[in-house]
Each structure stands twice: as structure tokens, then as C-alpha cells.
Amino acid sequence: MMGEVRLSERERRVLAEMEELLDRDAPLARRLRTMRTRSRLLPSLSSPAAGMRRRLPALGMAFLAVAALVLLVLAVATGAPALLWAFAAVWILTLLTVLGVFVHWARRRARG
């Protein structure tokens, strides 16, 4: 076990000044309060389930967009009203998913 290291009076004063300046930094304090355990720089440190939860809305949005495009092409090619209605329903779901992803992104960006 190492011996206890003592700070000089000057070092303690400098340390206290640094702590006081950091305490006054409101954005830093907010970020430190709301820190999460997952790492943005090293996503491999977060759990695989958390990574999938983050990607699920984007994957769903991509799937719905492809499905809407396929239904649109089929509806135009065949002229079947059922395909046209299916396209309309999937397109609305796609737009709602895009809106949800955008709102989530905007809220995260606003929080900093």
C-alpha cells in the first residue's frame, strides 16, 4: 500500500479554485448529472440489447419504406385497389415512424 500523498497549501488552493470554476459551469453540471453508462465512442461496451433498441426504429423505418415502395410499384402495375389501400396504410405508418425518429433525435439533440 502506498503512503498517503499530501498536497501543499498552494496545490489545495488551486484545486479549490478549479472545483469552484467547474461548479459554476451549468452545462457541464447538467451533462454530468445525466451521464449514461453506455459509451457513444465505444458502443461495444454497451449491451447488445441496448444497441438493438437504438437501431430498431431506424430498421423499422427502412423496412416500411421498402414495403411501401414495393406496394406502390405493384399497385401501379396491376391496378388492384387492395394493393393501393395497402400502400396507403404502409405509407402512413412509414411517415409516423419517420416523425417519431425525428422527434426522438431532436429531443436528444436539445438535451445536449
PDB file of N, CA and C in Angstrom:
ATOM      1  N   MET A   1       0.841  -1.179   0.000  1.00  0.00           N
ATOM      2  CA  MET A   1       0.000   0.000   0.000  1.00  0.00           C
ATOM      3  C   MET A   1       0.882   1.236   0.000  1.00  0.00           C
ATOM      4  N   MET A   2       0.525   2.188  -0.830  1.00  0.00           N
ATOM      5  CA  MET A   2       1.332   3.400  -0.944  1.00  0.00           C
ATOM      6  C   MET A   2       1.004   4.352   0.195  1.00  0.00           C
ATOM      7  N   GLY A   3       1.974   5.180   0.508  1.00  0.00           N
ATOM      8  CA  GLY A   3       1.764   6.173   1.556  1.00  0.00           C
ATOM      9  C   GLY A   3       0.818   7.266   1.073  1.00  0.00           C
ATOM     10  N   GLU A   4       0.195   7.927   2.000  1.00  0.00           N
ATOM     11  CA  GLU A   4      -0.747   8.989   1.674  1.00  0.00           C
ATOM     12  C   GLU A   4       0.008  10.205   1.151  1.00  0.00           C
ATOM     13  N   VAL A   5      -0.468  10.783   0.047  1.00  0.00           N
ATOM     14  CA  VAL A   5       0.169  11.945  -0.553  1.00  0.00           C
ATOM     15  C   VAL A   5      -0.529  13.195  -0.030  1.00  0.00           C
ATOM     16  N   ARG A   6       0.254  14.127   0.454  1.00  0.00           N
ATOM     17  CA  ARG A   6      -0.283  15.387   0.977  1.00  0.00           C
ATOM     18  C   ARG A   6      -0.079  16.484  -0.067  1.00  0.00           C
ATOM     19  N   LEU A   7      -1.087  17.323  -0.206  1.00  0.00           N
ATOM     20  CA  LEU A   7      -0.985  18.468  -1.104  1.00  0.00           C
ATOM     21  C   LEU A   7      -0.468  19.669  -0.327  1.00  0.00           C
ATOM     22  N   SER A   8       0.311  20.470  -1.027  1.00  0.00           N
ATOM     23  CA  SER A   8       0.789  21.700  -0.391  1.00  0.00           C
ATOM     24  C   SER A   8      -0.376  22.686  -0.295  1.00  0.00           C
ATOM     25  N   GLU A   9      -0.193  23.716   0.472  1.00  0.00           N
ATOM     26  CA  GLU A   9      -1.234  24.750   0.631  1.00  0.00           C
ATOM     27  C   GLU A   9      -1.578  25.364  -0.722  1.00  0.00           C
ATOM     28  N   ARG A  10      -0.573  25.640  -1.529  1.00  0.00           N
ATOM     29  CA  ARG A  10      -0.793  26.235  -2.858  1.00  0.00           C
ATOM     30  C   ARG A  10      -1.588  25.260  -3.743  1.00  0.00           C
ATOM     31  N   GLU A  11      -1.240  23.986  -3.723  1.00  0.00           N
ATOM     32  CA  GLU A  11      -1.942  22.991  -4.534  1.00  0.00           C
ATOM     33  C   GLU A  11      -3.393  22.845  -4.090  1.00  0.00           C
ATOM     34  N   ARG A  12      -3.639  22.869  -2.788  1.00  0.00           N
ATOM     35  CA  ARG A  12      -5.024  22.803  -2.292  1.00  0.00           C
ATOM     36  C   ARG A  12      -5.823  24.018  -2.728  1.00  0.00           C
ATOM     37  N   ARG A  13      -5.196  25.204  -2.713  1.00  0.00           N
ATOM     38  CA  ARG A  13      -5.875  26.440  -3.119  1.00  0.00           C
ATOM     39  C   ARG A  13      -6.215  26.369  -4.621  1.00  0.00           C
ATOM     40  N   VAL A  14      -5.264  25.910  -5.446  1.00  0.00           N
ATOM     41  CA  VAL A  14      -5.504  25.788  -6.886  1.00  0.00           C
ATOM     42  C   VAL A  14      -6.612  24.768  -7.146  1.00  0.00           C
ATOM     43  N   LEU A  15      -6.574  23.661  -6.446  1.00  0.00           N
ATOM     44  CA  LEU A  15      -7.608  22.638  -6.590  1.00  0.00           C
ATOM     45  C   LEU A  15      -8.979  23.183  -6.207  1.00  0.00           C
ATOM     46  N   ALA A  16      -9.059  23.931  -5.128  1.00  0.00           N
ATOM     47  CA  ALA A  16     -10.334  24.524  -4.697  1.00  0.00           C
ATOM     48  C   ALA A  16     -10.845  25.510  -5.739  1.00  0.00           C
ATOM     49  N   GLU A  17      -9.943  26.294  -6.334  1.00  0.00           N
ATOM     50  CA  GLU A  17     -10.358  27.247  -7.380  1.00  0.00           C
ATOM     51  C   GLU A  17     -10.880  26.506  -8.609  1.00  0.00           C
ATOM     52  N   MET A  18     -10.219  25.418  -8.972  1.00  0.00           N
ATOM     53  CA  MET A  18     -10.680  24.638 -10.121  1.00  0.00           C
ATOM     54  C   MET A  18     -12.052  24.033  -9.852  1.00  0.00           C
ATOM     55  N   GLU A  19     -12.252  23.498  -8.654  1.00  0.00           N
ATOM     56  CA  GLU A  19     -13.554  22.922  -8.311  1.00  0.00           C
ATOM     57  C   GLU A  19     -14.646  23.980  -8.319  1.00  0.00           C
ATOM     58  N   GLU A  20     -14.319  25.169  -7.832  1.00  0.00           N
ATOM     59  CA  GLU A  20     -15.298  26.255  -7.822  1.00  0.00           C
ATOM     60  C   GLU A  20     -15.674  26.650  -9.243  1.00  0.00           C
ATOM     61  N   LEU A  21     -14.698  26.754 -10.146  1.00  0.00           N
ATOM     62  CA  LEU A  21     -14.989  27.089 -11.537  1.00  0.00           C
ATOM     63  C   LEU A  21     -15.834  26.003 -12.204  1.00  0.00           C
ATOM     64  N   LEU A  22     -15.526  24.755 -11.923  1.00  0.00           N
ATOM     65  CA  LEU A  22     -16.304  23.657 -12.502  1.00  0.00           C
ATOM     66  C   LEU A  22     -17.729  23.629 -11.956  1.00  0.00           C
ATOM     67  N   ASP A  23     -17.897  23.978 -10.691  1.00  0.00           N
ATOM     68  CA  ASP A  23     -19.240  24.018 -10.104  1.00  0.00           C
ATOM     69  C   ASP A  23     -20.106  25.081 -10.761  1.00  0.00           C
ATOM     70  N   ARG A  24     -19.486  26.161 -11.241  1.00  0.00           N
ATOM     71  CA  ARG A  24     -20.249  27.246 -11.873  1.00  0.00           C
ATOM     72  C   ARG A  24     -20.599  26.958 -13.324  1.00  0.00           C
ATOM     73  N   ASP A  25     -20.031  25.934 -13.909  1.00  0.00           N
ATOM     74  CA  ASP A  25     -20.282  25.589 -15.302  1.00  0.00           C
ATOM     75  C   ASP A  25     -21.577  24.775 -15.391  1.00  0.00           C
ATOM     76  N   ALA A  26     -22.696  25.458 -15.665  1.00  0.00           N
ATOM     77  CA  ALA A  26     -24.015  24.812 -15.670  1.00  0.00           C
ATOM     78  C   ALA A  26     -24.136  23.716 -16.735  1.00  0.00           C
ATOM     79  N   PRO A  27     -23.692  23.957 -17.987  1.00  0.00           N
ATOM     80  CA  PRO A  27     -23.808  22.875 -18.983  1.00  0.00           C
ATOM     81  C   PRO A  27     -23.023  21.628 -18.588  1.00  0.00           C
ATOM     82  N   LEU A  28     -21.851  21.811 -18.027  1.00  0.00           N
ATOM     83  CA  LEU A  28     -21.066  20.661 -17.585  1.00  0.00           C
ATOM     84  C   LEU A  28     -21.774  19.919 -16.454  1.00  0.00           C
ATOM     85  N   ALA A  29     -22.310  20.674 -15.508  1.00  0.00           N
ATOM     86  CA  ALA A  29     -23.022  20.048 -14.389  1.00  0.00           C
ATOM     87  C   ALA A  29     -24.218  19.236 -14.889  1.00  0.00           C
ATOM     88  N   ARG A  30     -24.959  19.785 -15.870  1.00  0.00           N
ATOM     89  CA  ARG A  30     -26.119  19.078 -16.414  1.00  0.00           C
ATOM     90  C   ARG A  30     -25.677  17.793 -17.116  1.00  0.00           C
ATOM     91  N   ARG A  31     -24.595  17.879 -17.896  1.00  0.00           N
ATOM     92  CA  ARG A  31     -24.113  16.691 -18.598  1.00  0.00           C
ATOM     93  C   ARG A  31     -23.636  15.626 -17.620  1.00  0.00           C
ATOM     94  N   LEU A  32     -22.980  16.045 -16.552  1.00  0.00           N
ATOM     95  CA  LEU A  32     -22.501  15.075 -15.572  1.00  0.00           C
ATOM     96  C   LEU A  32     -23.662  14.419 -14.821  1.00  0.00           C
ATOM     97  N   ARG A  33     -24.727  15.191 -14.574  1.00  0.00           N
ATOM     98  CA  ARG A  33     -25.899  14.635 -13.880  1.00  0.00           C
ATOM     99  C   ARG A  33     -26.626  13.619 -14.740  1.00  0.00           C
ATOM    100  N   THR A  34     -26.633  13.838 -16.045  1.00  0.00           N
ATOM    101  CA  THR A  34     -27.427  12.987 -16.934  1.00  0.00           C
ATOM    102  C   THR A  34     -26.573  11.974 -17.682  1.00  0.00           C
ATOM    103  N   MET A  35     -25.354  11.742 -17.224  1.00  0.00           N
ATOM    104  CA  MET A  35     -24.490  10.769 -17.908  1.00  0.00           C
ATOM    105  C   MET A  35     -25.117   9.385 -17.847  1.00  0.00           C
ATOM    106  N   ARG A  36     -24.942   8.663 -18.933  1.00  0.00           N
ATOM    107  CA  ARG A  36     -25.442   7.291 -19.002  1.00  0.00           C
ATOM    108  C   ARG A  36     -24.258   6.352 -18.977  1.00  0.00           C
ATOM    109  N   THR A  37     -24.541   5.096 -18.702  1.00  0.00           N
ATOM    110  CA  THR A  37     -23.460   4.128 -18.598  1.00  0.00           C
ATOM    111  C   THR A  37     -22.943   3.687 -19.959  1.00  0.00           C
ATOM    112  N   ARG A  38     -23.746   3.787 -20.993  1.00  0.00           N
ATOM    113  CA  ARG A  38     -23.274   3.347 -22.301  1.00  0.00           C
ATOM    114  C   ARG A  38     -22.310   4.372 -22.878  1.00  0.00           C
ATOM    115  N   SER A  39     -21.455   3.920 -23.721  1.00  0.00           N
ATOM    116  CA  SER A  39     -20.437   4.766 -24.306  1.00  0.00           C
ATOM    117  C   SER A  39     -20.757   5.026 -25.768  1.00  0.00           C
ATOM    118  N   ARG A  40     -20.793   6.300 -26.164  1.00  0.00           N
ATOM    119  CA  ARG A  40     -21.012   6.616 -27.575  1.00  0.00           C
ATOM    120  C   ARG A  40     -19.760   6.319 -28.384  1.00  0.00           C
ATOM    121  N   LEU A  41     -18.597   6.516 -27.784  1.00  0.00           N
ATOM    122  CA  LEU A  41     -17.353   6.292 -28.505  1.00  0.00           C
ATOM    123  C   LEU A  41     -17.043   4.811 -28.652  1.00  0.00           C
ATOM    124  N   LEU A  42     -17.430   4.025 -27.658  1.00  0.00           N
ATOM    125  CA  LEU A  42     -17.180   2.589 -27.688  1.00  0.00           C
ATOM    126  C   LEU A  42     -18.493   1.842 -27.529  1.00  0.00           C
ATOM    127  N   PRO A  43     -19.294   1.771 -28.609  1.00  0.00           N
ATOM    128  CA  PRO A  43     -20.605   1.115 -28.477  1.00  0.00           C
ATOM    129  C   PRO A  43     -20.499  -0.348 -28.096  1.00  0.00           C
ATOM    130  N   SER A  44     -19.342  -0.970 -28.290  1.00  0.00           N
ATOM    131  CA  SER A  44     -19.212  -2.372 -27.932  1.00  0.00           C
ATOM    132  C   SER A  44     -19.301  -2.575 -26.424  1.00  0.00           C
ATOM    133  N   LEU A  45     -19.104  -1.478 -25.642  1.00  0.00           N
ATOM    134  CA  LEU A  45     -19.204  -1.599 -24.193  1.00  0.00           C
ATOM    135  C   LEU A  45     -20.649  -1.656 -23.714  1.00  0.00           C
ATOM    136  N   SER A  46     -21.577  -1.188 -24.541  1.00  0.00           N
ATOM    137  CA  SER A  46     -22.981  -1.244 -24.147  1.00  0.00           C
ATOM    138  C   SER A  46     -23.524  -2.632 -24.477  1.00  0.00           C
ATOM    139  N   SER A  47     -24.649  -2.950 -23.895  1.00  0.00           N
ATOM    140  CA  SER A  47     -25.211  -4.286 -24.101  1.00  0.00           C
ATOM    141  C   SER A  47     -25.748  -4.431 -25.523  1.00  0.00           C
ATOM    142  N   PRO A  48     -25.741  -5.632 -26.077  1.00  0.00           N
ATOM    143  CA  PRO A  48     -26.285  -5.840 -27.423  1.00  0.00           C
ATOM    144  C   PRO A  48     -27.767  -5.485 -27.510  1.00  0.00           C
ATOM    145  N   ALA A  49     -28.507  -5.729 -26.429  1.00  0.00           N
ATOM    146  CA  ALA A  49     -29.939  -5.395 -26.440  1.00  0.00           C
ATOM    147  C   ALA A  49     -30.141  -3.888 -26.535  1.00  0.00           C
ATOM    148  N   ALA A  50     -29.305  -3.125 -25.848  1.00  0.00           N
ATOM    149  CA  ALA A  50     -29.422  -1.664 -25.916  1.00  0.00           C
ATOM    150  C   ALA A  50     -29.119  -1.171 -27.318  1.00  0.00           C
ATOM    151  N   GLY A  51     -28.133  -1.765 -27.964  1.00  0.00           N
ATOM    152  CA  GLY A  51     -27.806  -1.379 -29.336  1.00  0.00           C
ATOM    153  C   GLY A  51     -28.949  -1.686 -30.283  1.00  0.00           C
ATOM    154  N   MET A  52     -29.588  -2.824 -30.073  1.00  0.00           N
ATOM    155  CA  MET A  52     -30.717  -3.192 -30.930  1.00  0.00           C
ATOM    156  C   MET A  52     -31.898  -2.263 -30.703  1.00  0.00           C
ATOM    157  N   ARG A  53     -32.134  -1.871 -29.441  1.00  0.00           N
ATOM    158  CA  ARG A  53     -33.234  -0.936 -29.154  1.00  0.00           C
ATOM    159  C   ARG A  53     -33.003   0.402 -29.849  1.00  0.00           C
ATOM    160  N   ARG A  54     -31.743   0.833 -29.928  1.00  0.00           N
ATOM    161  CA  ARG A  54     -31.447   2.101 -30.595  1.00  0.00           C
ATOM    162  C   ARG A  54     -31.650   1.995 -32.097  1.00  0.00           C
ATOM    163  N   ARG A  55     -31.341   0.834 -32.672  1.00  0.00           N
ATOM    164  CA  ARG A  55     -31.432   0.674 -34.118  1.00  0.00           C
ATOM    165  C   ARG A  55     -32.818   0.250 -34.596  1.00  0.00           C
ATOM    166  N   LEU A  56     -33.646  -0.260 -33.718  1.00  0.00           N
ATOM    167  CA  LEU A  56     -34.937  -0.810 -34.122  1.00  0.00           C
ATOM    168  C   LEU A  56     -35.820   0.206 -34.844  1.00  0.00           C
ATOM    169  N   PRO A  57     -35.993   1.434 -34.351  1.00  0.00           N
ATOM    170  CA  PRO A  57     -36.835   2.378 -35.096  1.00  0.00           C
ATOM    171  C   PRO A  57     -36.307   2.660 -36.504  1.00  0.00           C
ATOM    172  N   ALA A  58     -34.997   2.780 -36.649  1.00  0.00           N
ATOM    173  CA  ALA A  58     -34.427   3.047 -37.971  1.00  0.00           C
ATOM    174  C   ALA A  58     -34.611   1.840 -38.888  1.00  0.00           C
ATOM    175  N   LEU A  59     -34.421   0.641 -38.345  1.00  0.00           N
ATOM    176  CA  LEU A  59     -34.629  -0.555 -39.156  1.00  0.00           C
ATOM    177  C   LEU A  59     -36.100  -0.693 -39.556  1.00  0.00           C
ATOM    178  N   GLY A  60     -36.993  -0.417 -38.621  1.00  0.00           N
ATOM    179  CA  GLY A  60     -38.424  -0.462 -38.927  1.00  0.00           C
ATOM    180  C   GLY A  60     -38.797   0.562 -39.984  1.00  0.00           C
ATOM    181  N   MET A  61     -38.213   1.740 -39.883  1.00  0.00           N
ATOM    182  CA  MET A  61     -38.484   2.790 -40.858  1.00  0.00           C
ATOM    183  C   MET A  61     -38.002   2.359 -42.246  1.00  0.00           C
ATOM    184  N   ALA A  62     -36.822   1.764 -42.319  1.00  0.00           N
ATOM    185  CA  ALA A  62     -36.290   1.310 -43.601  1.00  0.00           C
ATOM    186  C   ALA A  62     -37.159   0.186 -44.180  1.00  0.00           C
ATOM    187  N   PHE A  63     -37.555  -0.752 -43.328  1.00  0.00           N
ATOM    188  CA  PHE A  63     -38.417  -1.843 -43.792  1.00  0.00           C
ATOM    189  C   PHE A  63     -39.749  -1.305 -44.318  1.00  0.00           C
ATOM    190  N   LEU A  64     -40.359  -0.389 -43.585  1.00  0.00           N
ATOM    191  CA  LEU A  64     -41.637   0.180 -44.030  1.00  0.00           C
ATOM    192  C   LEU A  64     -41.481   0.949 -45.336  1.00  0.00           C
ATOM    193  N   ALA A  65     -40.374   1.660 -45.505  1.00  0.00           N
ATOM    194  CA  ALA A  65     -40.156   2.418 -46.745  1.00  0.00           C
ATOM    195  C   ALA A  65     -40.022   1.473 -47.932  1.00  0.00           C
ATOM    196  N   VAL A  66     -39.285   0.382 -47.762  1.00  0.00           N
ATOM    197  CA  VAL A  66     -39.134  -0.598 -48.845  1.00  0.00           C
ATOM    198  C   VAL A  66     -40.481  -1.257 -49.140  1.00  0.00           C
ATOM    199  N   ALA A  67     -41.219  -1.615 -48.097  1.00  0.00           N
ATOM    200  CA  ALA A  67     -42.530  -2.239 -48.294  1.00  0.00           C
ATOM    201  C   ALA A  67     -43.483  -1.283 -49.023  1.00  0.00           C
ATOM    202  N   ALA A  68     -43.441  -0.008 -48.653  1.00  0.00           N
ATOM    203  CA  ALA A  68     -44.304   0.967 -49.320  1.00  0.00           C
ATOM    204  C   ALA A  68     -43.939   1.101 -50.796  1.00  0.00           C
ATOM    205  N   LEU A  69     -42.652   1.106 -51.091  1.00  0.00           N
ATOM    206  CA  LEU A  69     -42.224   1.212 -52.481  1.00  0.00           C
ATOM    207  C   LEU A  69     -42.659  -0.007 -53.289  1.00  0.00           C
ATOM    208  N   VAL A  70     -42.492  -1.190 -52.730  1.00  0.00           N
ATOM    209  CA  VAL A  70     -42.909  -2.416 -53.424  1.00  0.00           C
ATOM    210  C   VAL A  70     -44.422  -2.403 -53.646  1.00  0.00           C
ATOM    211  N   LEU A  71     -45.180  -2.026 -52.631  1.00  0.00           N
ATOM    212  CA  LEU A  71     -46.645  -1.976 -52.789  1.00  0.00           C
ATOM    213  C   LEU A  71     -47.064  -0.936 -53.820  1.00  0.00           C
ATOM    214  N   LEU A  72     -46.362   0.187 -53.863  1.00  0.00           N
ATOM    215  CA  LEU A  72     -46.687   1.214 -54.854  1.00  0.00           C
ATOM    216  C   LEU A  72     -46.442   0.692 -56.270  1.00  0.00           C
ATOM    217  N   VAL A  73     -45.310   0.044 -56.479  1.00  0.00           N
ATOM    218  CA  VAL A  73     -44.996  -0.494 -57.805  1.00  0.00           C
ATOM    219  C   VAL A  73     -46.026  -1.550 -58.207  1.00  0.00           C
ATOM    220  N   LEU A  74     -46.356  -2.445 -57.280  1.00  0.00           N
ATOM    221  CA  LEU A  74     -47.351  -3.477 -57.586  1.00  0.00           C
ATOM    222  C   LEU A  74     -48.729  -2.872 -57.849  1.00  0.00           C
ATOM    223  N   ALA A  75     -49.102  -1.855 -57.053  1.00  0.00           N
ATOM    224  CA  ALA A  75     -50.421  -1.233 -57.239  1.00  0.00           C
ATOM    225  C   ALA A  75     -50.514  -0.546 -58.596  1.00  0.00           C
ATOM    226  N   VAL A  76     -49.442   0.114 -59.011  1.00  0.00           N
ATOM    227  CA  VAL A  76     -49.454   0.787 -60.318  1.00  0.00           C
ATOM    228  C   VAL A  76     -49.447  -0.244 -61.440  1.00  0.00           C
ATOM    229  N   ALA A  77     -48.653  -1.305 -61.273  1.00  0.00           N
ATOM    230  CA  ALA A  77     -48.537  -2.316 -62.335  1.00  0.00           C
ATOM    231  C   ALA A  77     -49.832  -3.106 -62.525  1.00  0.00           C
ATOM    232  N   THR A  78     -50.508  -3.433 -61.421  1.00  0.00           N
ATOM    233  CA  THR A  78     -51.710  -4.282 -61.529  1.00  0.00           C
ATOM    234  C   THR A  78     -52.999  -3.484 -61.510  1.00  0.00           C
ATOM    235  N   GLY A  79     -52.977  -2.312 -60.901  1.00  0.00           N
ATOM    236  CA  GLY A  79     -54.198  -1.522 -60.799  1.00  0.00           C
ATOM    237  C   GLY A  79     -55.172  -2.066 -59.770  1.00  0.00           C
ATOM    238  N   ALA A  80     -54.720  -2.931 -58.886  1.00  0.00           N
ATOM    239  CA  ALA A  80     -55.590  -3.542 -57.880  1.00  0.00           C
ATOM    240  C   ALA A  80     -55.842  -2.549 -56.741  1.00  0.00           C
ATOM    241  N   PRO A  81     -57.127  -2.295 -56.422  1.00  0.00           N
ATOM    242  CA  PRO A  81     -57.446  -1.362 -55.349  1.00  0.00           C
ATOM    243  C   PRO A  81     -56.930  -1.823 -53.977  1.00  0.00           C
ATOM    244  N   ALA A  82     -56.894  -3.121 -53.738  1.00  0.00           N
ATOM    245  CA  ALA A  82     -56.418  -3.626 -52.447  1.00  0.00           C
ATOM    246  C   ALA A  82     -54.945  -3.265 -52.237  1.00  0.00           C
ATOM    247  N   LEU A  83     -54.143  -3.365 -53.303  1.00  0.00           N
ATOM    248  CA  LEU A  83     -52.733  -3.001 -53.202  1.00  0.00           C
ATOM    249  C   LEU A  83     -52.563  -1.501 -52.980  1.00  0.00           C
ATOM    250  N   LEU A  84     -53.426  -0.729 -53.606  1.00  0.00           N
ATOM    251  CA  LEU A  84     -53.360   0.724 -53.418  1.00  0.00           C
ATOM    252  C   LEU A  84     -53.688   1.092 -51.973  1.00  0.00           C
ATOM    253  N   TRP A  85     -54.689   0.456 -51.396  1.00  0.00           N
ATOM    254  CA  TRP A  85     -55.044   0.722 -49.996  1.00  0.00           C
ATOM    255  C   TRP A  85     -53.943   0.220 -49.042  1.00  0.00           C
ATOM    256  N   ALA A  86     -53.349  -0.918 -49.380  1.00  0.00           N
ATOM    257  CA  ALA A  86     -52.245  -1.430 -48.556  1.00  0.00           C
ATOM    258  C   ALA A  86     -51.063  -0.459 -48.608  1.00  0.00           C
ATOM    259  N   PHE A  87     -50.775   0.069 -49.814  1.00  0.00           N
ATOM    260  CA  PHE A  87     -49.714   1.068 -49.932  1.00  0.00           C
ATOM    261  C   PHE A  87     -50.021   2.285 -49.072  1.00  0.00           C
ATOM    262  N   ALA A  88     -51.258   2.762 -49.123  1.00  0.00           N
ATOM    263  CA  ALA A  88     -51.631   3.950 -48.343  1.00  0.00           C
ATOM    264  C   ALA A  88     -51.430   3.706 -46.845  1.00  0.00           C
ATOM    265  N   ALA A  89     -51.822   2.533 -46.379  1.00  0.00           N
ATOM    266  CA  ALA A  89     -51.677   2.214 -44.953  1.00  0.00           C
ATOM    267  C   ALA A  89     -50.205   2.139 -44.554  1.00  0.00           C
ATOM    268  N   VAL A  90     -49.394   1.459 -45.360  1.00  0.00           N
ATOM    269  CA  VAL A  90     -47.972   1.329 -45.047  1.00  0.00           C
ATOM    270  C   VAL A  90     -47.278   2.685 -45.140  1.00  0.00           C
ATOM    271  N   TRP A  91     -47.672   3.502 -46.090  1.00  0.00           N
ATOM    272  CA  TRP A  91     -47.072   4.834 -46.239  1.00  0.00           C
ATOM    273  C   TRP A  91     -47.348   5.696 -45.005  1.00  0.00           C
ATOM    274  N   ILE A  92     -48.557   5.623 -44.486  1.00  0.00           N
ATOM    275  CA  ILE A  92     -48.899   6.389 -43.275  1.00  0.00           C
ATOM    276  C   ILE A  92     -48.057   5.895 -42.093  1.00  0.00           C
ATOM    277  N   LEU A  93     -47.933   4.579 -41.953  1.00  0.00           N
ATOM    278  CA  LEU A  93     -47.083   4.037 -40.878  1.00  0.00           C
ATOM    279  C   LEU A  93     -45.633   4.482 -41.039  1.00  0.00           C
ATOM    280  N   THR A  94     -45.151   4.522 -42.280  1.00  0.00           N
ATOM    281  CA  THR A  94     -43.783   4.971 -42.542  1.00  0.00           C
ATOM    282  C   THR A  94     -43.606   6.423 -42.113  1.00  0.00           C
ATOM    283  N   LEU A  95     -44.544   7.267 -42.477  1.00  0.00           N
ATOM    284  CA  LEU A  95     -44.452   8.687 -42.105  1.00  0.00           C
ATOM    285  C   LEU A  95     -44.497   8.872 -40.583  1.00  0.00           C
ATOM    286  N   LEU A  96     -45.349   8.109 -39.911  1.00  0.00           N
ATOM    287  CA  LEU A  96     -45.416   8.204 -38.455  1.00  0.00           C
ATOM    288  C   LEU A  96     -44.114   7.737 -37.803  1.00  0.00           C
ATOM    289  N   THR A  97     -43.508   6.689 -38.360  1.00  0.00           N
ATOM    290  CA  THR A  97     -42.234   6.208 -37.834  1.00  0.00           C
ATOM    291  C   THR A  97     -41.127   7.241 -38.052  1.00  0.00           C
ATOM    292  N   VAL A  98     -41.110   7.845 -39.232  1.00  0.00           N
ATOM    293  CA  VAL A  98     -40.120   8.900 -39.509  1.00  0.00           C
ATOM    294  C   VAL A  98     -40.314  10.052 -38.530  1.00  0.00           C
ATOM    295  N   LEU A  99     -41.546  10.439 -38.290  1.00  0.00           N
ATOM    296  CA  LEU A  99     -41.816  11.520 -37.346  1.00  0.00           C
ATOM    297  C   LEU A  99     -41.329  11.157 -35.948  1.00  0.00           C
ATOM    298  N   GLY A 100     -41.607   9.934 -35.502  1.00  0.00           N
ATOM    299  CA  GLY A 100     -41.153   9.504 -34.178  1.00  0.00           C
ATOM    300  C   GLY A 100     -39.646   9.506 -34.051  1.00  0.00           C
ATOM    301  N   VAL A 101     -38.940   9.005 -35.069  1.00  0.00           N
ATOM    302  CA  VAL A 101     -37.475   9.000 -35.044  1.00  0.00           C
ATOM    303  C   VAL A 101     -36.946  10.429 -35.023  1.00  0.00           C
ATOM    304  N   PHE A 102     -37.542  11.304 -35.813  1.00  0.00           N
ATOM    305  CA  PHE A 102     -37.094  12.695 -35.850  1.00  0.00           C
ATOM    306  C   PHE A 102     -37.316  13.393 -34.509  1.00  0.00           C
ATOM    307  N   VAL A 103     -38.468  13.189 -33.903  1.00  0.00           N
ATOM    308  CA  VAL A 103     -38.755  13.814 -32.597  1.00  0.00           C
ATOM    309  C   VAL A 103     -37.771  13.303 -31.544  1.00  0.00           C
ATOM    310  N   HIS A 104     -37.509  12.007 -31.544  1.00  0.00           N
ATOM    311  CA  HIS A 104     -36.541  11.438 -30.593  1.00  0.00           C
ATOM    312  C   HIS A 104     -35.155  12.043 -30.813  1.00  0.00           C
ATOM    313  N   TRP A 105     -34.740  12.171 -32.059  1.00  0.00           N
ATOM    314  CA  TRP A 105     -33.445  12.759 -32.387  1.00  0.00           C
ATOM    315  C   TRP A 105     -33.390  14.219 -31.944  1.00  0.00           C
ATOM    316  N   ALA A 106     -34.449  14.973 -32.198  1.00  0.00           N
ATOM    317  CA  ALA A 106     -34.464  16.396 -31.853  1.00  0.00           C
ATOM    318  C   ALA A 106     -34.412  16.581 -30.324  1.00  0.00           C
ATOM    319  N   ARG A 107     -35.116  15.742 -29.568  1.00  0.00           N
ATOM    320  CA  ARG A 107     -35.082  15.852 -28.103  1.00  0.00           C
ATOM    321  C   ARG A 107     -33.693  15.525 -27.567  1.00  0.00           C
ATOM    322  N   ARG A 108     -33.064  14.498 -28.102  1.00  0.00           N
ATOM    323  CA  ARG A 108     -31.706  14.152 -27.658  1.00  0.00           C
ATOM    324  C   ARG A 108     -30.731  15.268 -27.991  1.00  0.00           C
ATOM    325  N   ARG A 109     -30.907  15.867 -29.153  1.00  0.00           N
ATOM    326  CA  ARG A 109     -30.016  16.961 -29.573  1.00  0.00           C
ATOM    327  C   ARG A 109     -30.227  18.199 -28.705  1.00  0.00           C
ATOM    328  N   ALA A 110     -31.470  18.464 -28.315  1.00  0.00           N
ATOM    329  CA  ALA A 110     -31.767  19.629 -27.482  1.00  0.00           C
ATOM    330  C   ALA A 110     -31.193  19.464 -26.073  1.00  0.00           C
ATOM    331  N   ARG A 111     -31.165  18.229 -25.584  1.00  0.00           N
ATOM    332  CA  ARG A 111     -30.601  17.971 -24.253  1.00  0.00           C
ATOM    333  C   ARG A 111     -29.095  18.157 -24.234  1.00  0.00           C
ATOM    334  N   GLY A 112     -28.484  18.013 -25.390  1.00  0.00           N
ATOM    335  CA  GLY A 112     -27.017  18.207 -25.458  1.00  0.00           C
ATOM    336  C   GLY A 112     -26.347  16.962 -25.300  1.00  0.00           C
TER     337      GLY A 112
END
